[in-house]
Amino acid sequence: MKNYAIILAAGKGTRMKSLDQSKSKVSYEILHKPLVRYVLDALKPIGFEKLITIVGFGGEVTKSLVQDSAEVVWQHEQKGTGHAVMQAAPLLEGKEGYTIVCCGDTPVVTTDTFKALFEKHVKDGNALTLLTAIVDNPKGYGRIKRNETGDQVEAIVEQADCDEVMDKVKEVNAGIYVFDNKELFAHLHNLHANNAQGELYLTDLLEMFRKEGLKVGASILDNPSEMMGVNNRWQLYEAGEALKMRINKEHMLNGVTIIDPKVTYIGPDVKIGPDTIIYPNTHIYGHTVIGNSNVIGPNTMIIDCEIGDNKEIANTTIKKERI
């Protein structure tokens, strides 16, 4: 079976409160890398017949960020997640395979999580598999209602609709889905905008699938922080902190000494050799490659550089240099 991916990246991002009307939400950066590129790079190792990004508000900016890795489809009017996915119908409708639908503002999700979701979907023979998470405080999230045996999802119950029983459920919808591609596009046309926002919701497909006896399951996240979305500047910071510490930990486990990981900023595409020491207030971004046994920092910024072995660099900014 072939795999397909749809990244939803058409939203305006009103809560970012930017004065720049051409800036899309997914173009905001963490560690000098746009949000949508984190999602693309996490998906790519899985291998897709088609990888599609839906763009809309600030679409030209988003297009420039993704067009080297994904096909671009426009959603000229933002009428909900279901409507956004409909825009990919000319490319995907009627094809055999599995389609993942995710958002371009979820930079913390990993390749391993995407793989586990696909594997669960195929293993269980589902028509739809949701990514879910168990959280201590589920307030505000859509709760997962399972059947009596617990192997199938019956509904997503939004906070406003929770009774006393559902209010205690800690399994929540993480907003990432894998569909049987044919079933997805066969049912999208049956969505109706019967809600206050007048939008077509992708999650309404769950009820349709259940009524037709199609299997709907869920894959539970090992690390709930991966479902973190970015809707405002504070959440941009929170996602940045999670990514920063993940990246720094990986370097340290690979033999790099980082004196203070809390105040060291290393981009996701940076490579650093063992026995290099990174001092505080150091920023290393882009496709920088640093060799072995270097001393970097403090108070240093390095962008898109190539640095050999046994060098000492401190209290400076260097860009696109070879040392």
Protein backbone atom coordinates (compact mmCIF):
# COMPACT_ATOMS: atom_id res chain seq x y z
CA MET A 1 0.00 0.00 0.00
CA LYS A 2 1.14 3.54 -0.76
CA ASN A 3 1.39 6.28 1.84
CA TYR A 4 0.19 9.85 1.39
CA ALA A 5 0.46 12.88 3.65
CA ILE A 6 -1.54 16.10 3.94
CA ILE A 7 -0.15 18.95 6.05
CA LEU A 8 -2.73 21.59 6.99
CA ALA A 9 -0.96 24.95 6.85
CA ALA A 10 -3.57 27.45 5.64
CA GLY A 11 -4.55 29.08 8.93
CA LYS A 12 -4.15 32.78 9.60
CA GLY A 13 -2.71 32.51 13.10
CA THR A 14 -4.64 35.51 14.43
CA ARG A 15 -3.46 34.90 17.99
CA MET A 16 0.15 35.47 16.95
CA LYS A 17 -0.90 39.15 16.67
CA SER A 18 1.57 40.01 13.94
CA LEU A 19 1.59 43.35 12.13
CA ASP A 20 2.92 41.57 9.02
CA GLN A 21 -0.17 40.54 7.04
CA SER A 22 1.86 38.40 4.65
CA LYS A 23 3.27 36.15 7.38
CA SER A 24 1.73 32.71 7.78
CA LYS A 25 1.57 31.07 11.19
CA VAL A 26 3.63 28.06 10.12
CA SER A 27 6.47 30.33 8.96
CA TYR A 28 7.30 31.38 12.53
CA GLU A 29 10.66 29.94 13.54
CA ILE A 30 12.06 27.91 16.39
CA LEU A 31 15.87 27.73 16.46
CA HIS A 32 15.96 29.43 13.04
CA LYS A 33 13.73 26.78 11.45
CA PRO A 34 10.07 27.37 10.40
CA LEU A 35 7.41 25.36 12.21
CA VAL A 36 6.21 23.63 9.05
CA ARG A 37 9.72 22.40 8.22
CA TYR A 38 9.84 20.46 11.50
CA VAL A 39 6.68 18.62 10.47
CA LEU A 40 7.92 17.99 6.93
CA ASP A 41 11.26 16.68 8.15
CA ALA A 42 9.58 14.36 10.67
CA LEU A 43 7.35 12.91 7.93
CA LYS A 44 9.90 12.46 5.14
CA PRO A 45 11.75 9.39 6.49
CA ILE A 46 8.51 7.38 6.33
CA GLY A 47 8.35 7.68 2.54
CA PHE A 48 5.30 9.02 0.71
CA GLU A 49 3.95 8.67 -2.80
CA LYS A 50 2.61 12.20 -2.40
CA LEU A 51 3.28 14.74 0.35
CA ILE A 52 0.89 17.68 0.09
CA THR A 53 0.83 20.97 1.98
CA ILE A 54 -2.42 22.94 2.05
CA VAL A 55 -1.67 26.66 2.05
CA GLY A 56 -3.96 29.66 2.40
CA PHE A 57 -3.34 32.79 4.47
CA GLY A 58 0.23 33.91 3.83
CA GLY A 59 0.33 31.15 1.27
CA GLU A 60 3.17 32.49 -0.84
CA VAL A 61 5.42 32.53 2.23
CA THR A 62 4.44 28.98 3.19
CA LYS A 63 4.81 27.80 -0.41
CA SER A 64 8.38 29.08 -0.53
CA LEU A 65 9.18 27.07 2.61
CA VAL A 66 7.78 23.72 1.48
CA GLN A 67 7.83 23.52 -2.31
CA ASP A 68 11.19 21.73 -2.39
CA SER A 69 9.69 18.85 -0.38
CA ALA A 70 5.92 18.86 -0.96
CA GLU A 71 3.27 19.56 -3.53
CA VAL A 72 1.32 22.72 -2.75
CA VAL A 73 -2.47 23.02 -2.87
CA TRP A 74 -4.37 26.21 -2.13
CA GLN A 75 -7.33 26.66 0.21
CA HIS A 76 -8.45 30.12 -0.85
CA GLU A 77 -11.24 30.29 1.73
CA GLN A 78 -10.65 28.90 5.21
CA LYS A 79 -13.78 26.83 5.81
CA GLY A 80 -12.48 24.26 8.26
CA THR A 81 -10.24 21.21 8.36
CA GLY A 82 -12.60 19.07 6.28
CA HIS A 83 -12.71 21.72 3.57
CA ALA A 84 -8.92 22.00 3.64
CA VAL A 85 -8.46 18.27 3.03
CA MET A 86 -11.02 18.43 0.19
CA GLN A 87 -8.60 20.64 -1.72
CA ALA A 88 -6.30 17.63 -2.14
CA ALA A 89 -9.02 15.56 -3.86
CA PRO A 90 -7.71 16.16 -7.41
CA LEU A 91 -4.40 14.59 -6.35
CA LEU A 92 -5.61 11.77 -4.09
CA GLU A 93 -9.26 10.88 -4.61
CA GLY A 94 -9.83 7.22 -5.48
CA LYS A 95 -6.27 6.09 -4.78
CA GLU A 96 -5.52 2.98 -2.73
CA GLY A 97 -3.39 3.60 0.35
CA TYR A 98 -3.12 5.34 3.69
CA THR A 99 -3.23 9.10 4.24
CA ILE A 100 -1.96 10.93 7.28
CA VAL A 101 -3.48 14.34 8.02
CA CYS A 102 -1.57 16.60 10.41
CA CYS A 103 -1.06 20.27 11.14
CA GLY A 104 1.91 22.40 10.15
CA ASP A 105 2.09 24.06 13.57
CA THR A 106 3.05 20.95 15.59
CA PRO A 107 6.86 21.03 15.49
CA VAL A 108 7.51 18.71 18.44
CA VAL A 109 5.98 15.55 16.94
CA THR A 110 8.60 12.96 15.92
CA THR A 111 9.15 10.53 13.07
CA ASP A 112 8.80 7.63 15.53
CA THR A 113 5.34 8.83 16.52
CA PHE A 114 4.22 9.09 12.89
CA LYS A 115 5.58 5.59 12.22
CA ALA A 116 3.80 4.13 15.26
CA LEU A 117 0.52 5.68 14.12
CA PHE A 118 0.83 4.15 10.64
CA GLU A 119 1.80 0.76 12.10
CA LYS A 120 -1.19 0.76 14.46
CA HIS A 121 -3.51 1.69 11.60
CA VAL A 122 -2.30 -1.13 9.36
CA LYS A 123 -2.05 -3.76 12.13
CA ASP A 124 -5.62 -3.16 13.33
CA GLY A 125 -7.14 -2.83 9.86
CA ASN A 126 -8.73 0.52 10.68
CA ALA A 127 -10.40 2.93 8.30
CA LEU A 128 -9.37 5.76 10.64
CA THR A 129 -6.77 5.85 13.40
CA LEU A 130 -6.44 8.85 15.70
CA LEU A 131 -3.33 9.90 17.55
CA THR A 132 -4.27 10.37 21.20
CA ALA A 133 -2.51 11.23 24.46
CA ILE A 134 -3.07 10.59 28.15
CA VAL A 135 -2.77 13.88 30.04
CA ASP A 136 -3.10 14.79 33.71
CA ASN A 137 -5.29 17.81 32.97
CA PRO A 138 -7.53 17.13 29.96
CA LYS A 139 -9.65 20.25 30.38
CA GLY A 140 -10.27 21.95 27.05
CA TYR A 141 -9.37 18.93 24.93
CA GLY A 142 -11.68 16.63 23.00
CA ARG A 143 -12.01 13.41 25.06
CA ILE A 144 -11.79 9.97 23.52
CA LYS A 145 -14.82 7.77 24.08
CA ARG A 146 -13.99 4.11 23.54
CA ASN A 147 -16.26 1.07 23.21
CA GLU A 148 -16.75 -1.42 26.04
CA THR A 149 -13.74 -3.53 25.04
CA GLY A 150 -11.56 -0.43 24.62
CA ASP A 151 -10.21 -1.37 21.19
CA GLN A 152 -12.34 1.03 19.16
CA VAL A 153 -13.04 4.77 19.35
CA GLU A 154 -16.73 5.65 19.38
CA ALA A 155 -16.54 9.44 19.55
CA ILE A 156 -14.56 12.56 20.32
CA VAL A 157 -16.46 14.43 23.03
CA GLU A 158 -15.65 18.13 23.22
CA GLN A 159 -15.23 19.81 26.60
CA ALA A 160 -18.59 21.60 26.41
CA ASP A 161 -20.38 18.29 25.85
CA CYS A 162 -18.70 16.27 28.61
CA ASP A 163 -20.91 14.74 31.29
CA GLU A 164 -19.49 13.71 34.67
CA VAL A 165 -18.12 10.44 33.29
CA MET A 166 -16.46 11.90 30.18
CA ASP A 167 -15.08 14.84 32.16
CA LYS A 168 -12.87 12.36 34.04
CA VAL A 169 -11.46 10.76 30.88
CA LYS A 170 -7.80 11.63 30.43
CA GLU A 171 -7.31 10.32 26.90
CA VAL A 172 -7.56 13.25 24.46
CA ASN A 173 -7.45 13.85 20.74
CA ALA A 174 -4.00 14.97 19.54
CA GLY A 175 -5.29 16.16 16.14
CA ILE A 176 -3.33 13.81 13.86
CA TYR A 177 -5.09 11.11 11.84
CA VAL A 178 -4.41 8.26 9.45
CA PHE A 179 -7.22 7.35 7.03
CA ASP A 180 -7.88 4.72 4.44
CA ASN A 181 -7.45 7.11 1.54
CA LYS A 182 -10.43 5.88 -0.51
CA GLU A 183 -12.77 6.06 2.48
CA LEU A 184 -11.49 9.54 3.37
CA PHE A 185 -12.34 11.12 0.04
CA ALA A 186 -15.52 9.09 -0.44
CA HIS A 187 -16.92 10.54 2.79
CA LEU A 188 -15.57 14.11 2.71
CA HIS A 189 -18.36 15.15 0.36
CA ASN A 190 -20.92 14.18 3.03
CA LEU A 191 -19.65 16.71 5.57
CA HIS A 192 -22.02 19.51 6.52
CA ALA A 193 -21.32 22.87 8.15
CA ASN A 194 -23.99 22.46 10.82
CA ASN A 195 -22.16 24.43 13.48
CA ALA A 196 -21.82 27.97 14.75
CA GLN A 197 -18.64 28.55 12.73
CA GLY A 198 -20.17 27.33 9.47
CA GLU A 199 -17.13 25.12 8.85
CA LEU A 200 -16.54 21.55 7.69
CA TYR A 201 -14.83 19.55 10.44
CA LEU A 202 -12.64 16.58 9.61
CA THR A 203 -13.49 14.98 12.97
CA ASP A 204 -17.14 14.60 11.87
CA LEU A 205 -15.95 11.72 9.69
CA LEU A 206 -15.53 9.59 12.80
CA GLU A 207 -19.29 9.38 13.34
CA MET A 208 -19.88 8.61 9.66
CA PHE A 209 -17.34 5.80 9.73
CA ARG A 210 -18.84 4.32 12.90
CA LYS A 211 -22.37 4.36 11.47
CA GLU A 212 -21.14 2.42 8.45
CA GLY A 213 -19.36 -0.15 10.60
CA LEU A 214 -15.87 0.98 9.62
CA LYS A 215 -13.16 0.45 12.25
CA VAL A 216 -11.90 3.50 14.12
CA GLY A 217 -8.98 3.11 16.51
CA ALA A 218 -6.31 5.12 18.28
CA SER A 219 -2.56 5.14 18.83
CA ILE A 220 -1.53 6.59 22.19
CA LEU A 221 1.45 8.94 22.33
CA ASP A 222 4.36 7.90 24.56
CA ASN A 223 5.19 11.56 25.20
CA PRO A 224 2.12 13.84 25.38
CA SER A 225 4.24 16.96 24.86
CA GLU A 226 4.59 15.99 21.19
CA MET A 227 1.02 17.05 20.47
CA MET A 228 1.90 20.61 21.40
CA GLY A 229 0.52 23.05 18.84
CA VAL A 230 1.60 26.66 18.35
CA ASN A 231 -1.20 29.23 18.31
CA ASN A 232 0.43 32.19 20.07
CA ARG A 233 3.85 33.52 21.03
CA TRP A 234 3.83 31.84 24.45
CA GLN A 235 3.20 28.45 22.88
CA LEU A 236 5.96 29.21 20.38
CA TYR A 237 8.29 29.60 23.37
CA GLU A 238 7.02 26.41 25.03
CA ALA A 239 7.55 24.37 21.88
CA GLY A 240 10.97 25.95 21.49
CA GLU A 241 11.97 24.91 24.99
CA ALA A 242 10.90 21.32 24.33
CA LEU A 243 12.85 21.18 21.07
CA LYS A 244 15.91 22.91 22.52
CA MET A 245 16.24 20.43 25.35
CA ARG A 246 15.59 17.44 23.07
CA ILE A 247 18.32 18.55 20.67
CA ASN A 248 20.82 19.40 23.43
CA LYS A 249 20.23 16.07 25.17
CA GLU A 250 20.87 14.18 21.94
CA HIS A 251 24.19 15.97 21.40
CA MET A 252 25.24 15.33 24.97
CA LEU A 253 24.43 11.63 24.69
CA ASN A 254 26.57 11.58 21.55
CA GLY A 255 29.63 12.91 23.37
CA VAL A 256 29.29 16.70 23.26
CA THR A 257 29.71 18.63 26.52
CA ILE A 258 27.15 21.41 26.91
CA ILE A 259 27.93 23.33 30.08
CA ASP A 260 24.41 24.72 30.52
CA PRO A 261 21.77 23.26 28.16
CA LYS A 262 19.18 25.78 29.37
CA VAL A 263 21.03 28.69 27.77
CA THR A 264 22.50 26.92 24.74
CA TYR A 265 20.58 27.04 21.46
CA ILE A 266 21.37 24.51 18.73
CA GLY A 267 19.33 24.12 15.56
CA PRO A 268 17.94 20.71 14.54
CA ASP A 269 20.18 20.36 11.47
CA VAL A 270 23.47 21.12 13.24
CA LYS A 271 26.11 18.37 13.48
CA ILE A 272 28.72 18.41 16.27
CA GLY A 273 31.58 15.96 16.83
CA PRO A 274 32.43 14.33 20.19
CA ASP A 275 34.61 15.98 22.82
CA THR A 276 33.53 19.43 21.68
CA ILE A 277 32.63 21.72 24.60
CA ILE A 278 29.83 24.29 24.24
CA TYR A 279 29.84 27.15 26.74
CA PRO A 280 26.71 29.13 27.79
CA ASN A 281 24.93 31.72 25.66
CA THR A 282 25.99 30.03 22.45
CA HIS A 283 23.69 29.85 19.41
CA ILE A 284 24.44 27.44 16.56
CA TYR A 285 22.00 27.38 13.63
CA GLY A 286 21.42 26.32 10.05
CA HIS A 287 23.43 23.49 8.50
CA THR A 288 26.51 24.12 10.61
CA VAL A 289 28.98 21.24 10.93
CA ILE A 290 31.41 21.30 13.85
CA GLY A 291 34.19 18.73 14.18
CA ASN A 292 35.78 17.06 17.19
CA SER A 293 37.41 18.48 20.32
CA ASN A 294 36.46 22.12 19.78
CA VAL A 295 35.72 24.75 22.41
CA ILE A 296 32.78 26.93 21.37
CA GLY A 297 31.54 29.95 23.31
CA PRO A 298 30.57 31.62 25.49
CA ASN A 299 28.52 34.41 23.92
CA THR A 300 28.88 33.11 20.38
CA MET A 301 26.59 32.80 17.35
CA ILE A 302 27.43 30.48 14.47
CA ILE A 303 25.22 30.18 11.37
CA ASP A 304 25.79 27.86 8.39
CA CYS A 305 29.49 27.33 9.07
CA GLU A 306 31.93 24.46 8.72
CA ILE A 307 34.36 24.16 11.62
CA GLY A 308 37.15 21.59 11.77
CA ASP A 309 38.76 19.97 14.81
CA ASN A 310 40.55 21.47 17.82
CA LYS A 311 39.35 25.04 17.28
CA GLU A 312 38.49 27.69 19.89
CA ILE A 313 35.77 30.21 19.08
CA ALA A 314 34.32 32.62 21.64
CA ASN A 315 32.57 35.99 22.00
CA THR A 316 31.87 36.40 18.29
CA THR A 317 29.36 35.97 15.46
CA ILE A 318 30.29 34.07 12.32
CA LYS A 319 28.12 33.26 9.29
CA LYS A 320 28.83 31.03 6.28
CA GLU A 321 32.49 30.61 7.12
CA ARG A 322 34.84 27.65 6.89
CA ILE A 323 37.33 27.48 9.75
